[in-house]
Amino acid sequence: MTDGNHDYIPGNDEAFNQFFRGITQYVAAKTSGPTPEWAHIPQSECINFHQAYTDWYRTYAINFQARSAKLSKEKEKIRRIAESSLQNYVKRFLRFEPVTNLDRENMGLPNHEIGFTPHREVSELVEFEIKLRKIHELTINFWCKDAPGKVKPRGYDGAVLAWGILDTPPERPEELLRRTLVSSRHFYRIIFDDNDRGKNVYIAMAWQNQRGHIGTWSEIKSAKIP
């Protein structure tokens, strides 16, 4: 059972609803409060994730009150969207630290070690540059260091981007608590709040393979928030 083929998703609608709701509630508990335990997940992503469950549940509940071919077709459509949102969220935010194996077990998610032979080490490095896009926004362009073309190594999920707005330069990437897995493109845009303008943001990146193992972190780079 692996995240790669998504066979952790229950097939039955009732079971899927309980599974999705449980993860939503668990994530909410870990990301709420002034000092959230999972600070690597942006608040906007938490809101979007909760909304994805709300949209699914609304359509799911309607089908209990009135059944029709039209409503059933709409439910199947919303379920596909909900599954995609859930799978993407798991892949981007719940497959690496600070989320632990115990956390994944509590959410009913498989851990990467299950069913795998000893993993292949992540030897490739990420190289990246920080570009000013516009006010409140920076673009991070990244690629595989010492490789021709800006390509993601084969067999990898993508690159983990770690960043933080700090008063003093961090000594280690582990001090950068905001994290996301960038898997579909070779750039990532960070949008900041107006009150962050003029502050320093620090960024580091590392490749993550499909077994969920993270390689060596890049050097930490910094930029002033426009």
C-alpha atoms as a PDB file:
ATOM      1  CA  MET A   1       0.000   0.000   0.000  1.00  0.00           C
ATOM      2  CA  THR A   2       1.664   3.223  -1.116  1.00  0.00           C
ATOM      3  CA  ASP A   3       0.866   6.861  -1.748  1.00  0.00           C
ATOM      4  CA  GLY A   4       2.090   6.405  -5.291  1.00  0.00           C
ATOM      5  CA  ASN A   5      -0.996   4.604  -6.551  1.00  0.00           C
ATOM      6  CA  HIS A   6      -3.385   6.158  -4.005  1.00  0.00           C
ATOM      7  CA  ASP A   7      -4.847   2.791  -2.932  1.00  0.00           C
ATOM      8  CA  TYR A   8      -5.216   4.118   0.608  1.00  0.00           C
ATOM      9  CA  ILE A   9      -8.388   5.937  -0.547  1.00  0.00           C
ATOM     10  CA  PRO A  10     -11.543   4.016   0.562  1.00  0.00           C
ATOM     11  CA  GLY A  11     -13.868   3.059  -2.271  1.00  0.00           C
ATOM     12  CA  ASN A  12     -17.138   3.278  -0.335  1.00  0.00           C
ATOM     13  CA  ASP A  13     -18.592   6.808  -0.074  1.00  0.00           C
ATOM     14  CA  GLU A  14     -19.365   6.509   3.642  1.00  0.00           C
ATOM     15  CA  ALA A  15     -15.880   5.220   4.427  1.00  0.00           C
ATOM     16  CA  PHE A  16     -14.326   7.892   2.214  1.00  0.00           C
ATOM     17  CA  ASN A  17     -16.294  10.588   4.030  1.00  0.00           C
ATOM     18  CA  GLN A  18     -15.121   9.363   7.437  1.00  0.00           C
ATOM     19  CA  PHE A  19     -11.535   9.068   6.181  1.00  0.00           C
ATOM     20  CA  PHE A  20     -11.510  12.569   4.633  1.00  0.00           C
ATOM     21  CA  ARG A  21     -13.206  14.110   7.679  1.00  0.00           C
ATOM     22  CA  GLY A  22     -10.735  12.460  10.053  1.00  0.00           C
ATOM     23  CA  ILE A  23      -7.730  13.827   8.179  1.00  0.00           C
ATOM     24  CA  THR A  24      -9.330  17.275   7.953  1.00  0.00           C
ATOM     25  CA  GLN A  25      -9.933  17.365  11.705  1.00  0.00           C
ATOM     26  CA  TYR A  26      -6.447  16.059  12.494  1.00  0.00           C
ATOM     27  CA  VAL A  27      -4.796  18.647  10.241  1.00  0.00           C
ATOM     28  CA  ALA A  28      -6.934  21.418  11.766  1.00  0.00           C
ATOM     29  CA  ALA A  29      -5.789  20.462  15.277  1.00  0.00           C
ATOM     30  CA  LYS A  30      -2.128  20.448  14.215  1.00  0.00           C
ATOM     31  CA  THR A  31      -2.244  23.751  12.319  1.00  0.00           C
ATOM     32  CA  SER A  32      -4.372  25.914  14.619  1.00  0.00           C
ATOM     33  CA  GLY A  33      -3.375  28.297  17.373  1.00  0.00           C
ATOM     34  CA  PRO A  34      -0.689  30.978  17.680  1.00  0.00           C
ATOM     35  CA  THR A  35       2.145  28.400  17.570  1.00  0.00           C
ATOM     36  CA  PRO A  36       0.898  25.520  15.388  1.00  0.00           C
ATOM     37  CA  GLU A  37       2.736  22.213  15.598  1.00  0.00           C
ATOM     38  CA  TRP A  38       2.680  21.951  11.791  1.00  0.00           C
ATOM     39  CA  ALA A  39       3.886  25.418  10.827  1.00  0.00           C
ATOM     40  CA  HIS A  40       5.101  24.172   7.443  1.00  0.00           C
ATOM     41  CA  ILE A  41       1.573  24.292   5.994  1.00  0.00           C
ATOM     42  CA  PRO A  42       0.448  27.785   4.879  1.00  0.00           C
ATOM     43  CA  GLN A  43      -2.855  28.860   6.378  1.00  0.00           C
ATOM     44  CA  SER A  44      -4.317  29.436   2.932  1.00  0.00           C
ATOM     45  CA  GLU A  45      -3.659  25.768   2.076  1.00  0.00           C
ATOM     46  CA  CYS A  46      -5.395  24.679   5.298  1.00  0.00           C
ATOM     47  CA  ILE A  47      -8.438  26.765   4.386  1.00  0.00           C
ATOM     48  CA  ASN A  48      -8.558  25.346   0.857  1.00  0.00           C
ATOM     49  CA  PHE A  49      -8.236  21.796   2.202  1.00  0.00           C
ATOM     50  CA  HIS A  50     -11.083  22.283   4.646  1.00  0.00           C
ATOM     51  CA  GLN A  51     -13.186  23.793   1.862  1.00  0.00           C
ATOM     52  CA  ALA A  52     -12.543  20.741  -0.322  1.00  0.00           C
ATOM     53  CA  TYR A  53     -13.991  18.523   2.402  1.00  0.00           C
ATOM     54  CA  THR A  54     -16.935  20.886   2.934  1.00  0.00           C
ATOM     55  CA  ASP A  55     -17.755  20.824  -0.789  1.00  0.00           C
ATOM     56  CA  TRP A  56     -17.627  17.036  -0.814  1.00  0.00           C
ATOM     57  CA  TYR A  57     -19.754  16.622   2.325  1.00  0.00           C
ATOM     58  CA  ARG A  58     -22.415  19.030   1.093  1.00  0.00           C
ATOM     59  CA  THR A  59     -22.945  16.987  -2.064  1.00  0.00           C
ATOM     60  CA  TYR A  60     -22.628  13.677  -0.199  1.00  0.00           C
ATOM     61  CA  ALA A  61     -25.296  14.724   2.329  1.00  0.00           C
ATOM     62  CA  ILE A  62     -27.741  15.892  -0.340  1.00  0.00           C
ATOM     63  CA  ASN A  63     -27.764  12.387  -1.804  1.00  0.00           C
ATOM     64  CA  PHE A  64     -29.196  11.062   1.463  1.00  0.00           C
ATOM     65  CA  GLN A  65     -32.131  13.466   1.257  1.00  0.00           C
ATOM     66  CA  ALA A  66     -33.030  13.038  -2.400  1.00  0.00           C
ATOM     67  CA  ARG A  67     -31.705  10.517  -4.892  1.00  0.00           C
ATOM     68  CA  SER A  68     -31.642  11.025  -8.623  1.00  0.00           C
ATOM     69  CA  ALA A  69     -29.398  10.261 -11.559  1.00  0.00           C
ATOM     70  CA  LYS A  70     -28.463  13.934 -11.784  1.00  0.00           C
ATOM     71  CA  LEU A  71     -27.523  14.176  -8.111  1.00  0.00           C
ATOM     72  CA  SER A  72     -25.570  10.926  -8.289  1.00  0.00           C
ATOM     73  CA  LYS A  73     -23.605  12.161 -11.281  1.00  0.00           C
ATOM     74  CA  GLU A  74     -22.829  15.433  -9.483  1.00  0.00           C
ATOM     75  CA  LYS A  75     -21.699  13.494  -6.396  1.00  0.00           C
ATOM     76  CA  GLU A  76     -19.285  11.414  -8.472  1.00  0.00           C
ATOM     77  CA  LYS A  77     -17.873  14.569 -10.029  1.00  0.00           C
ATOM     78  CA  ILE A  78     -17.327  16.247  -6.652  1.00  0.00           C
ATOM     79  CA  ARG A  79     -15.828  13.055  -5.264  1.00  0.00           C
ATOM     80  CA  ARG A  80     -13.200  12.982  -8.025  1.00  0.00           C
ATOM     81  CA  ILE A  81     -12.312  16.586  -7.184  1.00  0.00           C
ATOM     82  CA  ALA A  82     -12.207  15.753  -3.464  1.00  0.00           C
ATOM     83  CA  GLU A  83      -9.936  12.739  -4.017  1.00  0.00           C
ATOM     84  CA  SER A  84      -7.583  14.821  -6.124  1.00  0.00           C
ATOM     85  CA  SER A  85      -7.445  17.547  -3.456  1.00  0.00           C
ATOM     86  CA  LEU A  86      -6.808  14.988  -0.729  1.00  0.00           C
ATOM     87  CA  GLN A  87      -4.092  13.139  -2.652  1.00  0.00           C
ATOM     88  CA  ASN A  88      -2.351  16.379  -3.575  1.00  0.00           C
ATOM     89  CA  TYR A  89      -2.466  17.636   0.015  1.00  0.00           C
ATOM     90  CA  VAL A  90      -1.046  14.381   1.371  1.00  0.00           C
ATOM     91  CA  LYS A  91       1.741  14.432  -1.195  1.00  0.00           C
ATOM     92  CA  ARG A  92       2.693  18.074  -0.613  1.00  0.00           C
ATOM     93  CA  PHE A  93       2.380  18.384   3.152  1.00  0.00           C
ATOM     94  CA  LEU A  94       1.913  15.075   4.980  1.00  0.00           C
ATOM     95  CA  ARG A  95       4.714  12.894   3.622  1.00  0.00           C
ATOM     96  CA  PHE A  96       7.689  14.473   5.398  1.00  0.00           C
ATOM     97  CA  GLU A  97       8.713  15.964   8.746  1.00  0.00           C
ATOM     98  CA  PRO A  98       7.416  17.407  10.993  1.00  0.00           C
ATOM     99  CA  VAL A  99       4.601  14.941  10.193  1.00  0.00           C
ATOM    100  CA  THR A 100       5.633  11.661  11.820  1.00  0.00           C
ATOM    101  CA  ASN A 101       4.893   8.007  11.093  1.00  0.00           C
ATOM    102  CA  LEU A 102       2.591   8.006  14.130  1.00  0.00           C
ATOM    103  CA  ASP A 103       0.719  11.009  12.732  1.00  0.00           C
ATOM    104  CA  ARG A 104       0.160   9.164   9.455  1.00  0.00           C
ATOM    105  CA  GLU A 105      -1.022   6.070  11.320  1.00  0.00           C
ATOM    106  CA  ASN A 106      -3.473   8.214  13.293  1.00  0.00           C
ATOM    107  CA  MET A 107      -4.835   9.630  10.027  1.00  0.00           C
ATOM    108  CA  GLY A 108      -5.074   6.226   8.386  1.00  0.00           C
ATOM    109  CA  LEU A 109      -2.326   7.022   5.883  1.00  0.00           C
ATOM    110  CA  PRO A 110       0.347   4.497   4.877  1.00  0.00           C
ATOM    111  CA  ASN A 111       3.949   5.060   5.812  1.00  0.00           C
ATOM    112  CA  HIS A 112       6.562   4.927   3.070  1.00  0.00           C
ATOM    113  CA  GLU A 113       8.513   2.042   4.520  1.00  0.00           C
ATOM    114  CA  ILE A 114       5.576  -0.350   4.104  1.00  0.00           C
ATOM    115  CA  GLY A 115       6.126  -2.746   1.220  1.00  0.00           C
ATOM    116  CA  PHE A 116       9.475  -1.284   0.193  1.00  0.00           C
ATOM    117  CA  THR A 117      12.892  -2.846   0.051  1.00  0.00           C
ATOM    118  CA  PRO A 118      15.755  -0.734   1.462  1.00  0.00           C
ATOM    119  CA  HIS A 119      15.465   2.684  -0.135  1.00  0.00           C
ATOM    120  CA  ARG A 120      17.738   4.302  -2.631  1.00  0.00           C
ATOM    121  CA  GLU A 121      19.506   7.345  -1.230  1.00  0.00           C
ATOM    122  CA  VAL A 122      18.696  10.771  -2.638  1.00  0.00           C
ATOM    123  CA  SER A 123      22.048  11.863  -4.027  1.00  0.00           C
ATOM    124  CA  GLU A 124      21.034  14.735  -6.356  1.00  0.00           C
ATOM    125  CA  LEU A 125      21.087  18.341  -5.200  1.00  0.00           C
ATOM    126  CA  VAL A 126      18.737  21.228  -5.892  1.00  0.00           C
ATOM    127  CA  GLU A 127      19.988  24.505  -7.311  1.00  0.00           C
ATOM    128  CA  PHE A 128      17.686  27.503  -7.298  1.00  0.00           C
ATOM    129  CA  GLU A 129      17.437  31.226  -7.765  1.00  0.00           C
ATOM    130  CA  ILE A 130      15.095  33.788  -6.239  1.00  0.00           C
ATOM    131  CA  LYS A 131      13.500  36.311  -8.562  1.00  0.00           C
ATOM    132  CA  LEU A 132      11.379  39.359  -7.849  1.00  0.00           C
ATOM    133  CA  ARG A 133       8.019  38.908  -9.565  1.00  0.00           C
ATOM    134  CA  LYS A 134       5.984  41.828  -8.243  1.00  0.00           C
ATOM    135  CA  ILE A 135       5.035  43.484  -4.970  1.00  0.00           C
ATOM    136  CA  HIS A 136       4.362  40.875  -2.261  1.00  0.00           C
ATOM    137  CA  GLU A 137       5.615  38.046  -4.487  1.00  0.00           C
ATOM    138  CA  LEU A 138       8.860  36.151  -5.153  1.00  0.00           C
ATOM    139  CA  THR A 139       9.447  33.369  -7.690  1.00  0.00           C
ATOM    140  CA  ILE A 140      11.827  30.506  -6.923  1.00  0.00           C
ATOM    141  CA  ASN A 141      13.177  28.820 -10.063  1.00  0.00           C
ATOM    142  CA  PHE A 142      14.858  25.469  -9.342  1.00  0.00           C
ATOM    143  CA  TRP A 143      16.569  22.625 -11.174  1.00  0.00           C
ATOM    144  CA  CYS A 144      18.800  19.614 -10.646  1.00  0.00           C
ATOM    145  CA  LYS A 145      22.329  20.796  -9.893  1.00  0.00           C
ATOM    146  CA  ASP A 146      24.994  19.748 -12.409  1.00  0.00           C
ATOM    147  CA  ALA A 147      22.350  18.186 -14.689  1.00  0.00           C
ATOM    148  CA  PRO A 148      21.565  19.300 -18.246  1.00  0.00           C
ATOM    149  CA  GLY A 149      18.244  21.134 -18.406  1.00  0.00           C
ATOM    150  CA  LYS A 150      16.062  22.188 -15.530  1.00  0.00           C
ATOM    151  CA  VAL A 151      14.580  18.737 -14.910  1.00  0.00           C
ATOM    152  CA  LYS A 152      13.356  16.797 -11.897  1.00  0.00           C
ATOM    153  CA  PRO A 153      15.342  13.577 -11.297  1.00  0.00           C
ATOM    154  CA  ARG A 154      13.500  10.455 -12.451  1.00  0.00           C
ATOM    155  CA  GLY A 155      11.641   8.649  -9.698  1.00  0.00           C
ATOM    156  CA  TYR A 156      11.335  11.717  -7.494  1.00  0.00           C
ATOM    157  CA  ASP A 157       8.179  13.365  -6.155  1.00  0.00           C
ATOM    158  CA  GLY A 158       9.679  16.818  -6.504  1.00  0.00           C
ATOM    159  CA  ALA A 159      11.555  19.345  -4.410  1.00  0.00           C
ATOM    160  CA  VAL A 160      10.787  20.267  -0.820  1.00  0.00           C
ATOM    161  CA  LEU A 161      10.922  24.033  -0.378  1.00  0.00           C
ATOM    162  CA  ALA A 162      11.594  25.233   3.162  1.00  0.00           C
ATOM    163  CA  TRP A 163      11.334  28.911   4.025  1.00  0.00           C
ATOM    164  CA  GLY A 164      10.867  31.318   6.862  1.00  0.00           C
ATOM    165  CA  ILE A 165      10.735  35.029   7.653  1.00  0.00           C
ATOM    166  CA  LEU A 166      13.326  35.496  10.361  1.00  0.00           C
ATOM    167  CA  ASP A 167      15.024  38.377  12.148  1.00  0.00           C
ATOM    168  CA  THR A 168      18.441  36.696  11.964  1.00  0.00           C
ATOM    169  CA  PRO A 169      19.921  34.277   9.399  1.00  0.00           C
ATOM    170  CA  PRO A 170      19.248  30.632  10.300  1.00  0.00           C
ATOM    171  CA  GLU A 171      22.151  28.280  10.848  1.00  0.00           C
ATOM    172  CA  ARG A 172      20.373  25.187   9.498  1.00  0.00           C
ATOM    173  CA  PRO A 173      17.498  24.463   7.087  1.00  0.00           C
ATOM    174  CA  GLU A 174      15.661  22.732   9.952  1.00  0.00           C
ATOM    175  CA  GLU A 175      14.983  26.215  11.340  1.00  0.00           C
ATOM    176  CA  LEU A 176      12.863  27.005   8.254  1.00  0.00           C
ATOM    177  CA  LEU A 177       9.458  25.723   9.367  1.00  0.00           C
ATOM    178  CA  ARG A 178       7.239  26.563   6.393  1.00  0.00           C
ATOM    179  CA  ARG A 179       7.448  23.752   3.841  1.00  0.00           C
ATOM    180  CA  THR A 180       5.783  22.549   0.696  1.00  0.00           C
ATOM    181  CA  LEU A 181       6.487  19.888  -1.904  1.00  0.00           C
ATOM    182  CA  VAL A 182       6.747  21.376  -5.402  1.00  0.00           C
ATOM    183  CA  SER A 183       6.075  18.520  -7.786  1.00  0.00           C
ATOM    184  CA  SER A 184       4.428  19.736 -10.988  1.00  0.00           C
ATOM    185  CA  ARG A 185       6.576  22.674 -12.093  1.00  0.00           C
ATOM    186  CA  HIS A 186      10.135  23.945 -11.871  1.00  0.00           C
ATOM    187  CA  PHE A 187       9.225  27.154 -10.115  1.00  0.00           C
ATOM    188  CA  TYR A 188       7.242  28.204  -7.072  1.00  0.00           C
ATOM    189  CA  ARG A 189       5.720  31.543  -6.136  1.00  0.00           C
ATOM    190  CA  ILE A 190       5.508  32.735  -2.556  1.00  0.00           C
ATOM    191  CA  ILE A 191       2.933  35.452  -1.920  1.00  0.00           C
ATOM    192  CA  PHE A 192       3.478  37.513   1.215  1.00  0.00           C
ATOM    193  CA  ASP A 193       1.274  39.736   3.341  1.00  0.00           C
ATOM    194  CA  ASP A 194       1.629  43.492   3.144  1.00  0.00           C
ATOM    195  CA  ASN A 195       3.092  43.676   6.656  1.00  0.00           C
ATOM    196  CA  ASP A 196       5.940  41.370   5.566  1.00  0.00           C
ATOM    197  CA  ARG A 197       7.329  43.863   3.067  1.00  0.00           C
ATOM    198  CA  GLY A 198      10.925  44.796   3.765  1.00  0.00           C
ATOM    199  CA  LYS A 199      11.599  41.717   5.905  1.00  0.00           C
ATOM    200  CA  ASN A 200      14.123  39.013   5.038  1.00  0.00           C
ATOM    201  CA  VAL A 201      12.947  35.593   3.879  1.00  0.00           C
ATOM    202  CA  TYR A 202      15.317  32.615   3.964  1.00  0.00           C
ATOM    203  CA  ILE A 203      14.915  29.633   1.631  1.00  0.00           C
ATOM    204  CA  ALA A 204      16.451  26.165   1.211  1.00  0.00           C
ATOM    205  CA  MET A 205      15.478  23.230  -1.029  1.00  0.00           C
ATOM    206  CA  ALA A 206      16.081  19.473  -1.288  1.00  0.00           C
ATOM    207  CA  TRP A 207      14.841  16.696  -3.579  1.00  0.00           C
ATOM    208  CA  GLN A 208      12.370  14.114  -2.288  1.00  0.00           C
ATOM    209  CA  ASN A 209      12.066  10.699  -3.904  1.00  0.00           C
ATOM    210  CA  GLN A 210       8.869   8.675  -4.260  1.00  0.00           C
ATOM    211  CA  ARG A 211       9.644   6.800  -1.065  1.00  0.00           C
ATOM    212  CA  GLY A 212       9.374  10.064   0.830  1.00  0.00           C
ATOM    213  CA  HIS A 213      13.078  10.360   1.610  1.00  0.00           C
ATOM    214  CA  ILE A 214      14.581  13.842   1.490  1.00  0.00           C
ATOM    215  CA  GLY A 215      18.104  14.440   0.210  1.00  0.00           C
ATOM    216  CA  THR A 216      20.784  16.938   1.213  1.00  0.00           C
ATOM    217  CA  TRP A 217      19.582  20.484   1.655  1.00  0.00           C
ATOM    218  CA  SER A 218      20.889  23.241  -0.562  1.00  0.00           C
ATOM    219  CA  GLU A 219      22.597  26.276   0.815  1.00  0.00           C
ATOM    220  CA  ILE A 220      20.266  28.746   2.487  1.00  0.00           C
ATOM    221  CA  LYS A 221      19.577  31.805   0.348  1.00  0.00           C
ATOM    222  CA  SER A 222      17.820  34.997   1.311  1.00  0.00           C
ATOM    223  CA  ALA A 223      15.890  37.828  -0.261  1.00  0.00           C
ATOM    224  CA  LYS A 224      14.127  40.961   0.886  1.00  0.00           C
ATOM    225  CA  ILE A 225      10.353  40.739   0.532  1.00  0.00           C
ATOM    226  CA  PRO A 226       9.197  43.310  -2.047  1.00  0.00           C
END
